[in-house]
């Protein structure tokens, strides 16, 4: 079963291919994706890497967390699984929560 890692602190010029190369040194990489801003098309400075096993994911986390890539210090953590129901905690005060239903009427 694959294990997803969150990679933060990426230089905006880091490509998905380069990220895959770096993580492949620690174990088998199933996929890698640098997250891009949908409006500008530029990197948002973080990515997700799917490692083939828990051992590969742990090895990558230990080897690469805190190391430098393109002058930036990487942060490597286990990714939170947002695909399961209830995985994303609701935060009070967000858009569309609370308030009077007549609040926006003229």
N, C-alpha and C. Protein backbone atom coordinates (compact mmCIF):
# COMPACT_ATOMS: atom_id res chain seq x y z
N UNK A 1 0.84 -1.18 0.00
CA UNK A 1 0.00 0.00 0.00
C UNK A 1 0.88 1.24 0.00
N UNK A 2 0.54 2.21 -0.84
CA UNK A 2 1.33 3.42 -0.98
C UNK A 2 1.11 4.35 0.21
N UNK A 3 2.12 5.17 0.48
CA UNK A 3 2.06 6.12 1.58
C UNK A 3 2.41 7.51 1.07
N UNK A 4 1.52 8.46 1.35
CA UNK A 4 1.64 9.82 0.83
C UNK A 4 2.40 10.71 1.80
N UNK A 5 3.35 11.47 1.24
CA UNK A 5 4.13 12.43 2.02
C UNK A 5 3.82 13.84 1.54
N UNK A 6 3.79 14.78 2.48
CA UNK A 6 3.67 16.19 2.18
C UNK A 6 5.08 16.77 2.19
N UNK A 7 5.41 17.54 1.15
CA UNK A 7 6.72 18.16 1.06
C UNK A 7 6.50 19.68 1.01
N UNK A 8 6.99 20.37 2.02
CA UNK A 8 6.86 21.83 2.08
C UNK A 8 8.22 22.49 1.93
N UNK A 9 8.19 23.80 1.69
CA UNK A 9 9.42 24.57 1.58
C UNK A 9 10.12 24.43 0.25
N UNK A 10 9.39 24.03 -0.78
CA UNK A 10 10.01 23.87 -2.10
C UNK A 10 10.32 25.22 -2.73
N UNK A 11 11.44 25.28 -3.42
CA UNK A 11 11.72 26.44 -4.26
C UNK A 11 10.68 26.42 -5.39
N UNK A 12 10.24 27.58 -5.80
CA UNK A 12 9.20 27.66 -6.83
C UNK A 12 9.66 27.07 -8.16
N UNK A 13 10.96 26.94 -8.36
CA UNK A 13 11.48 26.40 -9.61
C UNK A 13 11.64 24.88 -9.59
N UNK A 14 11.30 24.22 -8.48
CA UNK A 14 11.44 22.76 -8.39
C UNK A 14 10.38 22.07 -9.24
N UNK A 15 10.84 21.20 -10.13
CA UNK A 15 9.91 20.47 -10.99
C UNK A 15 9.50 19.15 -10.36
N UNK A 16 8.40 18.61 -10.86
CA UNK A 16 7.94 17.30 -10.40
C UNK A 16 8.99 16.24 -10.71
N UNK A 17 9.62 16.31 -11.87
CA UNK A 17 10.65 15.32 -12.23
C UNK A 17 11.83 15.37 -11.27
N UNK A 18 12.28 16.58 -10.91
CA UNK A 18 13.41 16.71 -9.98
C UNK A 18 13.02 16.18 -8.60
N UNK A 19 11.80 16.47 -8.16
CA UNK A 19 11.32 15.98 -6.88
C UNK A 19 11.30 14.45 -6.87
N UNK A 20 10.83 13.86 -7.94
CA UNK A 20 10.79 12.39 -8.06
C UNK A 20 12.20 11.81 -7.97
N UNK A 21 13.17 12.44 -8.63
CA UNK A 21 14.56 11.98 -8.58
C UNK A 21 15.10 11.99 -7.16
N UNK A 22 14.86 13.07 -6.45
CA UNK A 22 15.36 13.22 -5.08
C UNK A 22 14.77 12.15 -4.18
N UNK A 23 13.47 11.93 -4.27
CA UNK A 23 12.82 10.95 -3.39
C UNK A 23 13.11 9.52 -3.81
N UNK A 24 13.43 9.29 -5.07
CA UNK A 24 13.77 7.94 -5.53
C UNK A 24 15.06 7.44 -4.89
N UNK A 25 15.90 8.36 -4.42
CA UNK A 25 17.13 7.95 -3.73
C UNK A 25 16.82 7.28 -2.38
N UNK A 26 15.62 7.55 -1.83
CA UNK A 26 15.24 6.98 -0.54
C UNK A 26 14.38 5.73 -0.68
N UNK A 27 13.78 5.51 -1.86
CA UNK A 27 12.92 4.34 -2.04
C UNK A 27 12.09 4.47 -3.31
N UNK A 28 11.19 3.52 -3.49
CA UNK A 28 10.36 3.48 -4.70
C UNK A 28 9.27 4.55 -4.64
N UNK A 29 9.26 5.41 -5.66
CA UNK A 29 8.28 6.49 -5.76
C UNK A 29 7.19 6.06 -6.73
N UNK A 30 5.94 6.07 -6.27
CA UNK A 30 4.82 5.75 -7.16
C UNK A 30 4.37 6.96 -7.95
N UNK A 31 4.35 8.13 -7.29
CA UNK A 31 3.97 9.36 -7.98
C UNK A 31 4.51 10.55 -7.22
N UNK A 32 4.62 11.66 -7.92
CA UNK A 32 5.04 12.92 -7.32
C UNK A 32 4.30 14.03 -8.04
N UNK A 33 3.90 15.05 -7.28
CA UNK A 33 3.18 16.17 -7.90
C UNK A 33 3.45 17.46 -7.14
N UNK A 34 4.06 18.42 -7.82
CA UNK A 34 4.21 19.75 -7.27
C UNK A 34 2.87 20.44 -7.46
N UNK A 35 2.35 21.05 -6.40
CA UNK A 35 1.04 21.71 -6.46
C UNK A 35 1.22 23.08 -7.12
N UNK A 36 0.42 23.32 -8.16
CA UNK A 36 0.50 24.56 -8.93
C UNK A 36 -0.72 25.44 -8.66
N UNK A 37 -0.50 26.74 -8.68
CA UNK A 37 -1.60 27.69 -8.52
C UNK A 37 -2.42 27.68 -9.80
N UNK A 38 -3.73 27.52 -9.68
CA UNK A 38 -4.56 27.40 -10.88
C UNK A 38 -4.67 28.71 -11.65
N UNK A 39 -4.50 29.85 -10.98
CA UNK A 39 -4.62 31.13 -11.67
C UNK A 39 -3.32 31.54 -12.37
N UNK A 40 -2.19 31.36 -11.69
CA UNK A 40 -0.91 31.82 -12.25
C UNK A 40 -0.13 30.71 -12.94
N UNK A 41 -0.43 29.45 -12.61
CA UNK A 41 0.32 28.34 -13.20
C UNK A 41 1.68 28.13 -12.56
N UNK A 42 1.99 28.88 -11.49
CA UNK A 42 3.27 28.75 -10.81
C UNK A 42 3.14 27.83 -9.60
N UNK A 43 4.26 27.28 -9.18
CA UNK A 43 4.29 26.40 -8.02
C UNK A 43 3.81 27.16 -6.78
N UNK A 44 3.13 26.42 -5.90
CA UNK A 44 2.70 27.01 -4.63
C UNK A 44 3.70 26.72 -3.52
N UNK A 45 4.82 26.04 -3.85
CA UNK A 45 5.88 25.80 -2.88
C UNK A 45 5.73 24.54 -2.05
N UNK A 46 4.79 23.68 -2.45
CA UNK A 46 4.67 22.40 -1.76
C UNK A 46 4.26 21.33 -2.75
N UNK A 47 4.39 20.07 -2.31
CA UNK A 47 4.12 18.94 -3.20
C UNK A 47 3.69 17.73 -2.39
N UNK A 48 3.27 16.71 -3.12
CA UNK A 48 2.94 15.42 -2.51
C UNK A 48 3.71 14.35 -3.26
N UNK A 49 4.27 13.41 -2.50
CA UNK A 49 4.99 12.28 -3.09
C UNK A 49 4.38 11.01 -2.51
N UNK A 50 4.05 10.08 -3.38
CA UNK A 50 3.49 8.80 -2.97
C UNK A 50 4.61 7.76 -3.05
N UNK A 51 4.97 7.23 -1.88
CA UNK A 51 6.01 6.20 -1.81
C UNK A 51 5.34 4.83 -1.83
N UNK A 52 6.06 3.83 -2.35
CA UNK A 52 5.48 2.50 -2.55
C UNK A 52 5.17 1.76 -1.25
N UNK A 53 5.90 2.04 -0.18
CA UNK A 53 5.66 1.31 1.07
C UNK A 53 5.86 2.24 2.26
N UNK A 54 5.41 1.78 3.41
CA UNK A 54 5.58 2.54 4.64
C UNK A 54 7.07 2.68 4.98
N UNK A 55 7.84 1.64 4.71
CA UNK A 55 9.28 1.69 4.97
C UNK A 55 9.96 2.74 4.10
N UNK A 56 9.59 2.77 2.80
CA UNK A 56 10.16 3.77 1.88
C UNK A 56 9.78 5.18 2.32
N UNK A 57 8.52 5.36 2.75
CA UNK A 57 8.05 6.67 3.19
C UNK A 57 8.81 7.12 4.43
N UNK A 58 8.98 6.23 5.38
CA UNK A 58 9.70 6.57 6.61
C UNK A 58 11.16 6.89 6.32
N UNK A 59 11.78 6.10 5.45
CA UNK A 59 13.17 6.33 5.07
C UNK A 59 13.31 7.70 4.39
N UNK A 60 12.39 8.02 3.49
CA UNK A 60 12.43 9.31 2.80
C UNK A 60 12.25 10.45 3.79
N UNK A 61 11.33 10.28 4.73
CA UNK A 61 11.09 11.34 5.72
C UNK A 61 12.35 11.57 6.56
N UNK A 62 12.95 10.50 7.03
CA UNK A 62 14.15 10.62 7.87
C UNK A 62 15.34 11.19 7.09
N UNK A 63 15.51 10.75 5.84
CA UNK A 63 16.65 11.18 5.03
C UNK A 63 16.51 12.62 4.54
N UNK A 64 15.30 13.02 4.19
CA UNK A 64 15.14 14.27 3.46
C UNK A 64 14.56 15.43 4.26
N UNK A 65 13.92 15.17 5.39
CA UNK A 65 13.36 16.25 6.19
C UNK A 65 14.50 17.14 6.69
N UNK A 66 14.43 18.42 6.40
CA UNK A 66 15.45 19.36 6.84
C UNK A 66 16.62 19.53 5.88
N UNK A 67 16.66 18.74 4.81
CA UNK A 67 17.75 18.90 3.85
C UNK A 67 17.43 20.05 2.90
N UNK A 68 18.47 20.52 2.20
CA UNK A 68 18.28 21.62 1.27
C UNK A 68 18.13 21.13 -0.16
N UNK A 69 17.23 21.78 -0.86
CA UNK A 69 17.04 21.55 -2.29
C UNK A 69 16.85 22.92 -2.93
N UNK A 70 17.74 23.26 -3.84
CA UNK A 70 17.71 24.56 -4.51
C UNK A 70 17.70 25.73 -3.52
N UNK A 71 18.50 25.58 -2.45
CA UNK A 71 18.64 26.65 -1.48
C UNK A 71 17.51 26.78 -0.47
N UNK A 72 16.57 25.86 -0.48
CA UNK A 72 15.45 25.89 0.47
C UNK A 72 15.46 24.63 1.32
N UNK A 73 15.11 24.76 2.59
CA UNK A 73 15.07 23.63 3.51
C UNK A 73 13.73 22.91 3.38
N UNK A 74 13.78 21.62 3.04
CA UNK A 74 12.56 20.83 2.86
C UNK A 74 11.93 20.44 4.18
N UNK A 75 10.62 20.40 4.19
CA UNK A 75 9.86 19.85 5.32
C UNK A 75 9.12 18.63 4.76
N UNK A 76 9.38 17.47 5.33
CA UNK A 76 8.76 16.23 4.85
C UNK A 76 7.97 15.63 6.00
N UNK A 77 6.66 15.48 5.79
CA UNK A 77 5.76 14.92 6.79
C UNK A 77 4.82 13.93 6.13
N UNK A 78 4.18 13.10 6.95
CA UNK A 78 3.10 12.27 6.44
C UNK A 78 1.97 13.20 6.03
N UNK A 79 1.34 12.92 4.89
CA UNK A 79 0.23 13.74 4.43
C UNK A 79 -1.05 13.31 5.13
N UNK A 80 -1.90 14.27 5.45
CA UNK A 80 -3.22 13.97 5.98
C UNK A 80 -4.08 13.46 4.85
N UNK A 81 -4.82 12.40 5.10
CA UNK A 81 -5.70 11.85 4.07
C UNK A 81 -6.99 12.65 4.03
N UNK A 82 -7.15 13.47 3.01
CA UNK A 82 -8.33 14.32 2.86
C UNK A 82 -9.45 13.62 2.09
N UNK A 83 -9.21 12.38 1.65
CA UNK A 83 -10.21 11.70 0.82
C UNK A 83 -11.27 10.97 1.65
N UNK A 84 -11.02 10.78 2.93
CA UNK A 84 -12.00 10.07 3.74
C UNK A 84 -12.99 11.05 4.35
N UNK A 85 -14.26 10.66 4.47
CA UNK A 85 -15.25 11.55 5.06
C UNK A 85 -14.86 11.93 6.48
N UNK A 86 -15.01 13.21 6.79
CA UNK A 86 -14.70 13.69 8.12
C UNK A 86 -13.22 13.92 8.37
N UNK A 87 -12.37 13.68 7.37
CA UNK A 87 -10.94 13.87 7.56
C UNK A 87 -10.58 15.33 7.70
N UNK A 88 -11.33 16.16 7.08
CA UNK A 88 -11.05 17.59 7.12
C UNK A 88 -11.90 18.22 8.22
N UNK A 89 -11.26 18.73 9.22
CA UNK A 89 -11.99 19.32 10.34
C UNK A 89 -12.67 20.62 9.91
N UNK A 90 -13.89 20.79 10.35
CA UNK A 90 -14.61 22.03 10.06
C UNK A 90 -14.09 23.11 10.97
N UNK A 91 -13.86 24.26 10.40
CA UNK A 91 -13.38 25.39 11.19
C UNK A 91 -14.49 26.41 11.33
N UNK A 92 -14.73 26.87 12.55
CA UNK A 92 -15.78 27.87 12.74
C UNK A 92 -15.39 29.19 12.10
N UNK A 93 -16.40 29.93 11.66
CA UNK A 93 -16.16 31.26 11.11
C UNK A 93 -15.77 31.28 9.66
N UNK A 94 -15.80 30.14 8.99
CA UNK A 94 -15.45 30.12 7.58
C UNK A 94 -16.57 30.67 6.73
N UNK A 95 -16.34 30.78 5.46
CA UNK A 95 -17.36 31.28 4.55
C UNK A 95 -18.63 30.46 4.64
N UNK A 96 -19.74 31.12 4.62
CA UNK A 96 -21.02 30.43 4.58
C UNK A 96 -21.44 29.80 5.88
N UNK A 97 -20.78 30.13 6.98
CA UNK A 97 -21.17 29.54 8.25
C UNK A 97 -21.70 30.62 9.17
N UNK A 98 -22.71 30.27 9.90
CA UNK A 98 -23.24 31.18 10.91
C UNK A 98 -23.84 32.43 10.31
N UNK A 99 -24.18 33.36 11.18
CA UNK A 99 -24.72 34.64 10.73
C UNK A 99 -26.19 34.53 10.40
N UNK A 100 -26.79 35.65 10.22
CA UNK A 100 -28.22 35.73 9.92
C UNK A 100 -28.47 35.46 8.45
N UNK A 101 -29.57 34.77 8.13
CA UNK A 101 -29.86 34.53 6.72
C UNK A 101 -30.20 35.82 5.99
N UNK A 102 -30.60 36.84 6.70
CA UNK A 102 -30.96 38.12 6.09
C UNK A 102 -29.78 39.07 6.02
N UNK A 103 -28.65 38.64 6.42
CA UNK A 103 -27.48 39.51 6.54
C UNK A 103 -27.12 40.20 5.23
N UNK A 104 -27.30 39.51 4.12
CA UNK A 104 -26.88 40.06 2.83
C UNK A 104 -28.03 40.64 2.02
N UNK A 105 -29.19 40.74 2.60
CA UNK A 105 -30.33 41.32 1.88
C UNK A 105 -30.20 42.82 1.83
N UNK A 106 -30.69 43.39 0.77
CA UNK A 106 -30.71 44.86 0.63
C UNK A 106 -31.99 45.43 1.12
